[in-house]
Amino acid sequence: MLMAHPAVLLELVEEYEALELLHARQGKAEVRRRMEDLAYTLCVSTGTRDVDAALAAARHRLPGAGVRDGSLLAG
């Protein structure tokens, strides 16, 4: 599967998150439509079927992503 460059994924995630906040405050239809467009692009870019999975997959591919709670460290 073809995967989007991490820089592209970062832009998509940041724009989606910003619009999510804006939509929560204003609830405008044009903001919702742009969010739907971004959700579709994120799903296609990550090979997922819903925006939550797409956001998680995109974040996983970003630089510095990884386990932060130490759960992979030997006990």
C-alpha atoms as a PDB file:
ATOM      1  CA  MET A   1       0.000   0.000   0.000  1.00  0.00           C
ATOM      2  CA  LEU A   2       1.203   3.492  -0.820  1.00  0.00           C
ATOM      3  CA  MET A   3       1.696   5.563   2.347  1.00  0.00           C
ATOM      4  CA  ALA A   4       1.645   9.343   2.684  1.00  0.00           C
ATOM      5  CA  HIS A   5       4.789  11.168   3.764  1.00  0.00           C
ATOM      6  CA  PRO A   6       4.844  11.963   7.510  1.00  0.00           C
ATOM      7  CA  ALA A   7       4.959  15.706   6.760  1.00  0.00           C
ATOM      8  CA  VAL A   8       1.712  15.415   4.794  1.00  0.00           C
ATOM      9  CA  LEU A   9       0.124  13.380   7.565  1.00  0.00           C
ATOM     10  CA  LEU A  10       1.175  15.984  10.126  1.00  0.00           C
ATOM     11  CA  GLU A  11      -0.510  18.757   8.137  1.00  0.00           C
ATOM     12  CA  LEU A  12      -3.695  16.714   7.765  1.00  0.00           C
ATOM     13  CA  VAL A  13      -3.828  15.843  11.467  1.00  0.00           C
ATOM     14  CA  GLU A  14      -3.139  19.413  12.586  1.00  0.00           C
ATOM     15  CA  GLU A  15      -5.780  20.866  10.262  1.00  0.00           C
ATOM     16  CA  TYR A  16      -8.358  18.256  11.303  1.00  0.00           C
ATOM     17  CA  GLU A  17      -7.731  18.914  15.002  1.00  0.00           C
ATOM     18  CA  ALA A  18      -7.951  22.694  14.534  1.00  0.00           C
ATOM     19  CA  LEU A  19     -11.212  22.362  12.627  1.00  0.00           C
ATOM     20  CA  GLU A  20     -12.568  19.988  15.252  1.00  0.00           C
ATOM     21  CA  LEU A  21     -12.131  22.719  17.871  1.00  0.00           C
ATOM     22  CA  LEU A  22     -13.591  25.354  15.568  1.00  0.00           C
ATOM     23  CA  HIS A  23     -16.601  23.164  14.798  1.00  0.00           C
ATOM     24  CA  ALA A  24     -17.169  22.525  18.500  1.00  0.00           C
ATOM     25  CA  ARG A  25     -17.276  26.285  19.081  1.00  0.00           C
ATOM     26  CA  GLN A  26     -19.171  27.433  15.994  1.00  0.00           C
ATOM     27  CA  GLY A  27     -20.857  24.396  14.437  1.00  0.00           C
ATOM     28  CA  LYS A  28     -20.685  25.849  10.927  1.00  0.00           C
ATOM     29  CA  ALA A  29     -21.591  23.603   8.001  1.00  0.00           C
ATOM     30  CA  GLU A  30     -18.546  24.599   5.920  1.00  0.00           C
ATOM     31  CA  VAL A  31     -16.228  23.611   8.756  1.00  0.00           C
ATOM     32  CA  ARG A  32     -17.972  20.245   9.014  1.00  0.00           C
ATOM     33  CA  ARG A  33     -17.644  19.698   5.254  1.00  0.00           C
ATOM     34  CA  ARG A  34     -13.907  20.432   5.374  1.00  0.00           C
ATOM     35  CA  MET A  35     -13.562  18.017   8.302  1.00  0.00           C
ATOM     36  CA  GLU A  36     -15.320  15.346   6.240  1.00  0.00           C
ATOM     37  CA  ASP A  37     -12.930  15.983   3.337  1.00  0.00           C
ATOM     38  CA  LEU A  38      -9.945  15.722   5.663  1.00  0.00           C
ATOM     39  CA  ALA A  39     -11.333  12.575   7.278  1.00  0.00           C
ATOM     40  CA  TYR A  40     -11.656  10.955   3.858  1.00  0.00           C
ATOM     41  CA  THR A  41      -8.111  11.990   2.899  1.00  0.00           C
ATOM     42  CA  LEU A  42      -6.739  10.688   6.195  1.00  0.00           C
ATOM     43  CA  CYS A  43      -8.533   7.366   5.740  1.00  0.00           C
ATOM     44  CA  VAL A  44      -7.213   6.941   2.207  1.00  0.00           C
ATOM     45  CA  SER A  45      -3.718   8.022   3.286  1.00  0.00           C
ATOM     46  CA  THR A  46      -3.584   5.539   6.152  1.00  0.00           C
ATOM     47  CA  GLY A  47      -5.578   2.627   4.758  1.00  0.00           C
ATOM     48  CA  THR A  48      -8.279   2.897   7.412  1.00  0.00           C
ATOM     49  CA  ARG A  49     -12.065   3.229   7.314  1.00  0.00           C
ATOM     50  CA  ASP A  50     -12.920   5.715  10.054  1.00  0.00           C
ATOM     51  CA  VAL A  51     -11.420   8.990  11.138  1.00  0.00           C
ATOM     52  CA  ASP A  52     -10.447   7.861  14.651  1.00  0.00           C
ATOM     53  CA  ALA A  53      -8.434   4.961  13.271  1.00  0.00           C
ATOM     54  CA  ALA A  54      -6.971   7.236  10.592  1.00  0.00           C
ATOM     55  CA  LEU A  55      -5.860   9.800  13.163  1.00  0.00           C
ATOM     56  CA  ALA A  56      -4.274   7.093  15.317  1.00  0.00           C
ATOM     57  CA  ALA A  57      -2.485   5.570  12.321  1.00  0.00           C
ATOM     58  CA  ALA A  58      -1.290   8.972  11.125  1.00  0.00           C
ATOM     59  CA  ARG A  59       0.003   9.940  14.570  1.00  0.00           C
ATOM     60  CA  HIS A  60       1.819   6.609  14.771  1.00  0.00           C
ATOM     61  CA  ARG A  61       3.723   7.463  11.595  1.00  0.00           C
ATOM     62  CA  LEU A  62       4.776  10.937  12.759  1.00  0.00           C
ATOM     63  CA  PRO A  63       8.351  11.591  13.847  1.00  0.00           C
ATOM     64  CA  GLY A  64       8.775  10.949  17.553  1.00  0.00           C
ATOM     65  CA  ALA A  65       5.761   8.658  17.732  1.00  0.00           C
ATOM     66  CA  GLY A  66       6.040   5.632  19.902  1.00  0.00           C
ATOM     67  CA  VAL A  67       5.294   4.186  23.262  1.00  0.00           C
ATOM     68  CA  ARG A  68       5.657   6.825  25.962  1.00  0.00           C
ATOM     69  CA  ASP A  69       4.567   4.904  29.012  1.00  0.00           C
ATOM     70  CA  GLY A  70       7.474   2.492  29.206  1.00  0.00           C
ATOM     71  CA  SER A  71       5.281  -0.539  28.529  1.00  0.00           C
ATOM     72  CA  LEU A  72       7.847  -1.991  26.116  1.00  0.00           C
ATOM     73  CA  LEU A  73      10.708  -1.750  28.609  1.00  0.00           C
ATOM     74  CA  ALA A  74      11.943  -4.966  30.163  1.00  0.00           C
ATOM     75  CA  GLY A  75      10.755  -5.475  33.717  1.00  0.00           C
END
